[in-house]
Amino acid sequence: MGWPMRSVTNTLGIALVMALALAGCSRSDKTPELMHLRSSTAGPDEFGILPTKPLEMPEDLAQLPDPTPGGTNITDPTPEADAVAALGGNPERLKPNGVPRGDGALLARAGRFGTGADIRDRLAEEDLQYRRDHDGRLLERLFNVTVYYKAYRPMSLDKAAELERWRKAGARTPAAPPSGLAQDVLP
């Protein structure tokens, strides 16, 4: 009579040990890697390091600009100008802040009502408060399940419904697939 009970107890014990062992192998961080915008390692950020341009000896030392503390250097990287040149553009058309000269009117129109200097900090605070207000149910918080996509679902755009809305309004949509073509068939 004691033998079947001991067998059940041993089986349950082995199952419990196996379940705990498997739970120990799982990742503790459930959020997708793309949601981590800052590096969690102690090493340097590989995208934050910009190599300087090679040193060159000018033919005439009088061509060198006067040194200015905090100013630019000939060997300083210029990623915006380098990207424009690599794409076949003229980097000399860029303003010192990287904005093309022809876009001044666009920037003036966009900022006609003024812009706050603390806009990034204010948006970060508002976003943090929104995420705190929509932080999930008790079990989601207890098991550290990300509710990011569920919290922002009301703000997402249904691309198929929006495409149909524009087509019904008579707008041309040349970049969209033809009407009736299944969206999941396209690459």
C-alpha atoms as a PDB file:
ATOM      1  CA  MET A   1       0.000   0.000   0.000  1.00  0.00           C
ATOM      2  CA  GLY A   2       2.928   2.362   0.692  1.00  0.00           C
ATOM      3  CA  TRP A   3       4.645   1.628  -2.598  1.00  0.00           C
ATOM      4  CA  PRO A   4       2.226   3.471  -4.978  1.00  0.00           C
ATOM      5  CA  MET A   5       2.191   6.555  -2.718  1.00  0.00           C
ATOM      6  CA  ARG A   6       5.983   6.712  -2.670  1.00  0.00           C
ATOM      7  CA  SER A   7       6.034   6.400  -6.488  1.00  0.00           C
ATOM      8  CA  VAL A   8       3.581   9.306  -6.852  1.00  0.00           C
ATOM      9  CA  THR A   9       5.591  11.420  -4.400  1.00  0.00           C
ATOM     10  CA  ASN A  10       8.855  10.674  -6.235  1.00  0.00           C
ATOM     11  CA  THR A  11       7.264  11.450  -9.590  1.00  0.00           C
ATOM     12  CA  LEU A  12       5.889  14.759  -8.314  1.00  0.00           C
ATOM     13  CA  GLY A  13       9.256  15.617  -6.766  1.00  0.00           C
ATOM     14  CA  ILE A  14      11.114  14.906  -9.993  1.00  0.00           C
ATOM     15  CA  ALA A  15       8.568  16.935 -11.999  1.00  0.00           C
ATOM     16  CA  LEU A  16       8.928  19.871  -9.588  1.00  0.00           C
ATOM     17  CA  VAL A  17      12.740  19.786  -9.807  1.00  0.00           C
ATOM     18  CA  MET A  18      12.573  19.661 -13.611  1.00  0.00           C
ATOM     19  CA  ALA A  19      10.127  22.583 -13.726  1.00  0.00           C
ATOM     20  CA  LEU A  20      12.366  24.674 -11.467  1.00  0.00           C
ATOM     21  CA  ALA A  21      15.424  23.794 -13.554  1.00  0.00           C
ATOM     22  CA  LEU A  22      13.664  24.856 -16.759  1.00  0.00           C
ATOM     23  CA  ALA A  23      12.432  28.074 -15.137  1.00  0.00           C
ATOM     24  CA  GLY A  24      16.011  28.888 -14.159  1.00  0.00           C
ATOM     25  CA  CYS A  25      17.096  28.648 -17.791  1.00  0.00           C
ATOM     26  CA  SER A  26      14.633  31.259 -19.026  1.00  0.00           C
ATOM     27  CA  ARG A  27      15.624  34.854 -19.711  1.00  0.00           C
ATOM     28  CA  SER A  28      14.798  37.262 -16.935  1.00  0.00           C
ATOM     29  CA  ASP A  29      14.409  40.221 -19.302  1.00  0.00           C
ATOM     30  CA  LYS A  30      11.265  39.721 -21.370  1.00  0.00           C
ATOM     31  CA  THR A  31      11.416  42.984 -23.360  1.00  0.00           C
ATOM     32  CA  PRO A  32      12.553  42.821 -26.986  1.00  0.00           C
ATOM     33  CA  GLU A  33      16.145  43.871 -27.589  1.00  0.00           C
ATOM     34  CA  LEU A  34      15.106  46.702 -29.922  1.00  0.00           C
ATOM     35  CA  MET A  35      13.302  48.435 -27.065  1.00  0.00           C
ATOM     36  CA  HIS A  36      16.611  48.990 -25.211  1.00  0.00           C
ATOM     37  CA  LEU A  37      17.960  52.210 -26.678  1.00  0.00           C
ATOM     38  CA  ARG A  38      20.926  52.464 -24.334  1.00  0.00           C
ATOM     39  CA  SER A  39      23.756  49.978 -24.045  1.00  0.00           C
ATOM     40  CA  SER A  40      23.743  47.904 -20.874  1.00  0.00           C
ATOM     41  CA  THR A  41      27.398  46.934 -21.155  1.00  0.00           C
ATOM     42  CA  ALA A  42      30.371  48.683 -19.588  1.00  0.00           C
ATOM     43  CA  GLY A  43      32.163  48.971 -22.942  1.00  0.00           C
ATOM     44  CA  PRO A  44      32.044  51.870 -25.384  1.00  0.00           C
ATOM     45  CA  ASP A  45      29.075  52.449 -27.636  1.00  0.00           C
ATOM     46  CA  GLU A  46      30.244  51.410 -31.078  1.00  0.00           C
ATOM     47  CA  PHE A  47      27.904  53.928 -32.726  1.00  0.00           C
ATOM     48  CA  GLY A  48      29.133  56.791 -30.555  1.00  0.00           C
ATOM     49  CA  ILE A  49      32.723  56.580 -31.784  1.00  0.00           C
ATOM     50  CA  LEU A  50      33.488  58.574 -34.906  1.00  0.00           C
ATOM     51  CA  PRO A  51      36.965  58.197 -36.318  1.00  0.00           C
ATOM     52  CA  THR A  52      38.822  61.372 -37.176  1.00  0.00           C
ATOM     53  CA  LYS A  53      39.939  62.123 -40.696  1.00  0.00           C
ATOM     54  CA  PRO A  54      43.568  61.342 -41.547  1.00  0.00           C
ATOM     55  CA  LEU A  55      46.144  64.012 -40.799  1.00  0.00           C
ATOM     56  CA  GLU A  56      47.533  65.825 -43.814  1.00  0.00           C
ATOM     57  CA  MET A  57      50.397  68.254 -44.130  1.00  0.00           C
ATOM     58  CA  PRO A  58      49.277  71.279 -46.140  1.00  0.00           C
ATOM     59  CA  GLU A  59      51.614  72.692 -48.750  1.00  0.00           C
ATOM     60  CA  ASP A  60      51.491  76.070 -47.054  1.00  0.00           C
ATOM     61  CA  LEU A  61      51.078  76.311 -43.279  1.00  0.00           C
ATOM     62  CA  ALA A  62      49.420  79.710 -43.727  1.00  0.00           C
ATOM     63  CA  GLN A  63      46.357  77.812 -45.027  1.00  0.00           C
ATOM     64  CA  LEU A  64      45.682  76.431 -41.558  1.00  0.00           C
ATOM     65  CA  PRO A  65      42.858  78.181 -39.697  1.00  0.00           C
ATOM     66  CA  ASP A  66      43.522  79.907 -36.395  1.00  0.00           C
ATOM     67  CA  PRO A  67      42.879  77.592 -33.447  1.00  0.00           C
ATOM     68  CA  THR A  68      39.634  78.362 -31.643  1.00  0.00           C
ATOM     69  CA  PRO A  69      38.874  76.745 -28.272  1.00  0.00           C
ATOM     70  CA  GLY A  70      35.707  74.705 -28.630  1.00  0.00           C
ATOM     71  CA  GLY A  71      35.707  75.249 -32.398  1.00  0.00           C
ATOM     72  CA  THR A  72      36.054  72.733 -35.181  1.00  0.00           C
ATOM     73  CA  ASN A  73      39.193  71.094 -36.425  1.00  0.00           C
ATOM     74  CA  ILE A  74      40.135  70.051 -39.958  1.00  0.00           C
ATOM     75  CA  THR A  75      40.264  66.405 -38.835  1.00  0.00           C
ATOM     76  CA  ASP A  76      36.902  66.511 -37.031  1.00  0.00           C
ATOM     77  CA  PRO A  77      34.325  64.129 -38.484  1.00  0.00           C
ATOM     78  CA  THR A  78      31.505  65.684 -40.473  1.00  0.00           C
ATOM     79  CA  PRO A  79      28.999  62.823 -40.840  1.00  0.00           C
ATOM     80  CA  GLU A  80      26.210  64.917 -42.414  1.00  0.00           C
ATOM     81  CA  ALA A  81      28.501  66.409 -45.056  1.00  0.00           C
ATOM     82  CA  ASP A  82      30.158  63.027 -45.661  1.00  0.00           C
ATOM     83  CA  ALA A  83      26.752  61.379 -46.149  1.00  0.00           C
ATOM     84  CA  VAL A  84      25.649  64.106 -48.579  1.00  0.00           C
ATOM     85  CA  ALA A  85      28.895  63.721 -50.538  1.00  0.00           C
ATOM     86  CA  ALA A  86      28.570  59.902 -50.569  1.00  0.00           C
ATOM     87  CA  LEU A  87      25.063  60.208 -52.011  1.00  0.00           C
ATOM     88  CA  GLY A  88      26.257  62.533 -54.763  1.00  0.00           C
ATOM     89  CA  GLY A  89      25.165  65.835 -53.247  1.00  0.00           C
ATOM     90  CA  ASN A  90      27.052  69.034 -52.578  1.00  0.00           C
ATOM     91  CA  PRO A  91      28.098  69.183 -48.896  1.00  0.00           C
ATOM     92  CA  GLU A  92      28.823  72.915 -49.184  1.00  0.00           C
ATOM     93  CA  ARG A  93      25.074  73.578 -49.470  1.00  0.00           C
ATOM     94  CA  LEU A  94      24.633  72.502 -45.847  1.00  0.00           C
ATOM     95  CA  LYS A  95      24.349  75.111 -43.157  1.00  0.00           C
ATOM     96  CA  PRO A  96      26.682  74.777 -40.167  1.00  0.00           C
ATOM     97  CA  ASN A  97      23.921  73.039 -38.184  1.00  0.00           C
ATOM     98  CA  GLY A  98      23.390  70.430 -40.923  1.00  0.00           C
ATOM     99  CA  VAL A  99      20.124  71.864 -42.300  1.00  0.00           C
ATOM    100  CA  PRO A 100      20.044  72.450 -46.069  1.00  0.00           C
ATOM    101  CA  ARG A 101      19.883  76.112 -47.038  1.00  0.00           C
ATOM    102  CA  GLY A 102      16.697  75.591 -49.046  1.00  0.00           C
ATOM    103  CA  ASP A 103      14.835  74.294 -45.982  1.00  0.00           C
ATOM    104  CA  GLY A 104      14.966  77.544 -44.012  1.00  0.00           C
ATOM    105  CA  ALA A 105      11.407  78.487 -45.015  1.00  0.00           C
ATOM    106  CA  LEU A 106      10.135  75.049 -44.036  1.00  0.00           C
ATOM    107  CA  LEU A 107      11.768  75.285 -40.615  1.00  0.00           C
ATOM    108  CA  ALA A 108      10.438  78.800 -40.101  1.00  0.00           C
ATOM    109  CA  ARG A 109       6.898  77.656 -40.963  1.00  0.00           C
ATOM    110  CA  ALA A 110       7.120  74.606 -38.692  1.00  0.00           C
ATOM    111  CA  GLY A 111       8.323  76.715 -35.771  1.00  0.00           C
ATOM    112  CA  ARG A 112       6.033  79.711 -36.344  1.00  0.00           C
ATOM    113  CA  PHE A 113       4.233  79.217 -33.018  1.00  0.00           C
ATOM    114  CA  GLY A 114       7.480  78.786 -31.151  1.00  0.00           C
ATOM    115  CA  THR A 115       9.262  75.721 -29.918  1.00  0.00           C
ATOM    116  CA  GLY A 116      10.088  74.786 -26.390  1.00  0.00           C
ATOM    117  CA  ALA A 117      13.713  74.239 -25.531  1.00  0.00           C
ATOM    118  CA  ASP A 118      12.672  71.463 -23.145  1.00  0.00           C
ATOM    119  CA  ILE A 119      10.465  69.587 -25.638  1.00  0.00           C
ATOM    120  CA  ARG A 120      12.458  66.325 -25.411  1.00  0.00           C
ATOM    121  CA  ASP A 121      12.390  66.294 -21.614  1.00  0.00           C
ATOM    122  CA  ARG A 122       8.686  67.166 -21.539  1.00  0.00           C
ATOM    123  CA  LEU A 123       7.795  64.429 -24.033  1.00  0.00           C
ATOM    124  CA  ALA A 124       9.889  61.893 -22.094  1.00  0.00           C
ATOM    125  CA  GLU A 125       8.062  62.782 -18.872  1.00  0.00           C
ATOM    126  CA  GLU A 126       4.639  62.570 -20.533  1.00  0.00           C
ATOM    127  CA  ASP A 127       5.517  59.233 -22.138  1.00  0.00           C
ATOM    128  CA  LEU A 128       6.740  57.837 -18.823  1.00  0.00           C
ATOM    129  CA  GLN A 129       3.507  58.937 -17.129  1.00  0.00           C
ATOM    130  CA  TYR A 130       1.427  57.369 -19.936  1.00  0.00           C
ATOM    131  CA  ARG A 131       3.301  54.077 -19.573  1.00  0.00           C
ATOM    132  CA  ARG A 132       2.827  54.165 -15.786  1.00  0.00           C
ATOM    133  CA  ASP A 133      -0.902  54.703 -16.269  1.00  0.00           C
ATOM    134  CA  HIS A 134      -1.023  51.718 -18.674  1.00  0.00           C
ATOM    135  CA  ASP A 135       1.403  49.351 -16.951  1.00  0.00           C
ATOM    136  CA  GLY A 136      -0.676  46.218 -17.293  1.00  0.00           C
ATOM    137  CA  ARG A 137      -2.558  43.885 -15.040  1.00  0.00           C
ATOM    138  CA  LEU A 138      -1.278  42.417 -11.797  1.00  0.00           C
ATOM    139  CA  LEU A 139       0.077  39.190 -13.325  1.00  0.00           C
ATOM    140  CA  GLU A 140       1.699  41.072 -16.201  1.00  0.00           C
ATOM    141  CA  ARG A 141       3.542  43.269 -13.693  1.00  0.00           C
ATOM    142  CA  LEU A 142       4.328  40.303 -11.448  1.00  0.00           C
ATOM    143  CA  PHE A 143       5.912  38.278 -14.276  1.00  0.00           C
ATOM    144  CA  ASN A 144       7.497  41.340 -15.939  1.00  0.00           C
ATOM    145  CA  VAL A 145       5.568  40.920 -19.199  1.00  0.00           C
ATOM    146  CA  THR A 146       6.006  43.849 -21.542  1.00  0.00           C
ATOM    147  CA  VAL A 147       2.753  45.697 -22.226  1.00  0.00           C
ATOM    148  CA  TYR A 148       4.374  48.277 -24.499  1.00  0.00           C
ATOM    149  CA  TYR A 149       2.515  47.267 -27.657  1.00  0.00           C
ATOM    150  CA  LYS A 150      -0.785  46.845 -25.832  1.00  0.00           C
ATOM    151  CA  ALA A 151      -0.457  50.284 -24.191  1.00  0.00           C
ATOM    152  CA  TYR A 152       0.201  52.040 -27.508  1.00  0.00           C
ATOM    153  CA  ARG A 153      -2.301  50.028 -29.590  1.00  0.00           C
ATOM    154  CA  PRO A 154      -4.934  52.825 -29.491  1.00  0.00           C
ATOM    155  CA  MET A 155      -2.380  55.164 -31.089  1.00  0.00           C
ATOM    156  CA  SER A 156      -1.380  52.817 -33.901  1.00  0.00           C
ATOM    157  CA  LEU A 157      -2.554  53.295 -37.472  1.00  0.00           C
ATOM    158  CA  ASP A 158      -4.401  50.572 -39.365  1.00  0.00           C
ATOM    159  CA  LYS A 159      -2.654  50.906 -42.710  1.00  0.00           C
ATOM    160  CA  ALA A 160      -5.228  48.923 -44.685  1.00  0.00           C
ATOM    161  CA  ALA A 161      -8.165  50.948 -43.343  1.00  0.00           C
ATOM    162  CA  GLU A 162      -6.309  54.212 -43.936  1.00  0.00           C
ATOM    163  CA  LEU A 163      -5.477  53.186 -47.501  1.00  0.00           C
ATOM    164  CA  GLU A 164      -9.139  52.406 -48.197  1.00  0.00           C
ATOM    165  CA  ARG A 165     -10.207  55.708 -46.626  1.00  0.00           C
ATOM    166  CA  TRP A 166      -7.920  57.647 -48.970  1.00  0.00           C
ATOM    167  CA  ARG A 167      -9.025  55.620 -51.995  1.00  0.00           C
ATOM    168  CA  LYS A 168     -12.712  56.240 -51.208  1.00  0.00           C
ATOM    169  CA  ALA A 169     -11.928  59.948 -50.948  1.00  0.00           C
ATOM    170  CA  GLY A 170     -10.577  59.797 -54.510  1.00  0.00           C
ATOM    171  CA  ALA A 171      -6.900  60.274 -53.689  1.00  0.00           C
ATOM    172  CA  ARG A 172      -4.345  58.564 -55.897  1.00  0.00           C
ATOM    173  CA  THR A 173      -2.213  55.985 -54.089  1.00  0.00           C
ATOM    174  CA  PRO A 174       0.449  54.994 -56.635  1.00  0.00           C
ATOM    175  CA  ALA A 175       2.881  53.623 -54.037  1.00  0.00           C
ATOM    176  CA  ALA A 176       0.279  51.272 -52.533  1.00  0.00           C
ATOM    177  CA  PRO A 177      -0.558  47.877 -53.993  1.00  0.00           C
ATOM    178  CA  PRO A 178      -3.548  47.720 -56.325  1.00  0.00           C
ATOM    179  CA  SER A 179      -6.964  47.309 -54.786  1.00  0.00           C
ATOM    180  CA  GLY A 180      -7.911  43.680 -54.081  1.00  0.00           C
ATOM    181  CA  LEU A 181      -4.314  42.407 -53.985  1.00  0.00           C
ATOM    182  CA  ALA A 182      -3.659  40.566 -50.740  1.00  0.00           C
ATOM    183  CA  GLN A 183      -1.299  42.499 -48.453  1.00  0.00           C
ATOM    184  CA  ASP A 184       0.390  39.381 -47.087  1.00  0.00           C
ATOM    185  CA  VAL A 185       1.429  38.212 -50.575  1.00  0.00           C
ATOM    186  CA  LEU A 186       3.717  41.194 -51.101  1.00  0.00           C
ATOM    187  CA  PRO A 187       7.328  40.939 -49.865  1.00  0.00           C
END
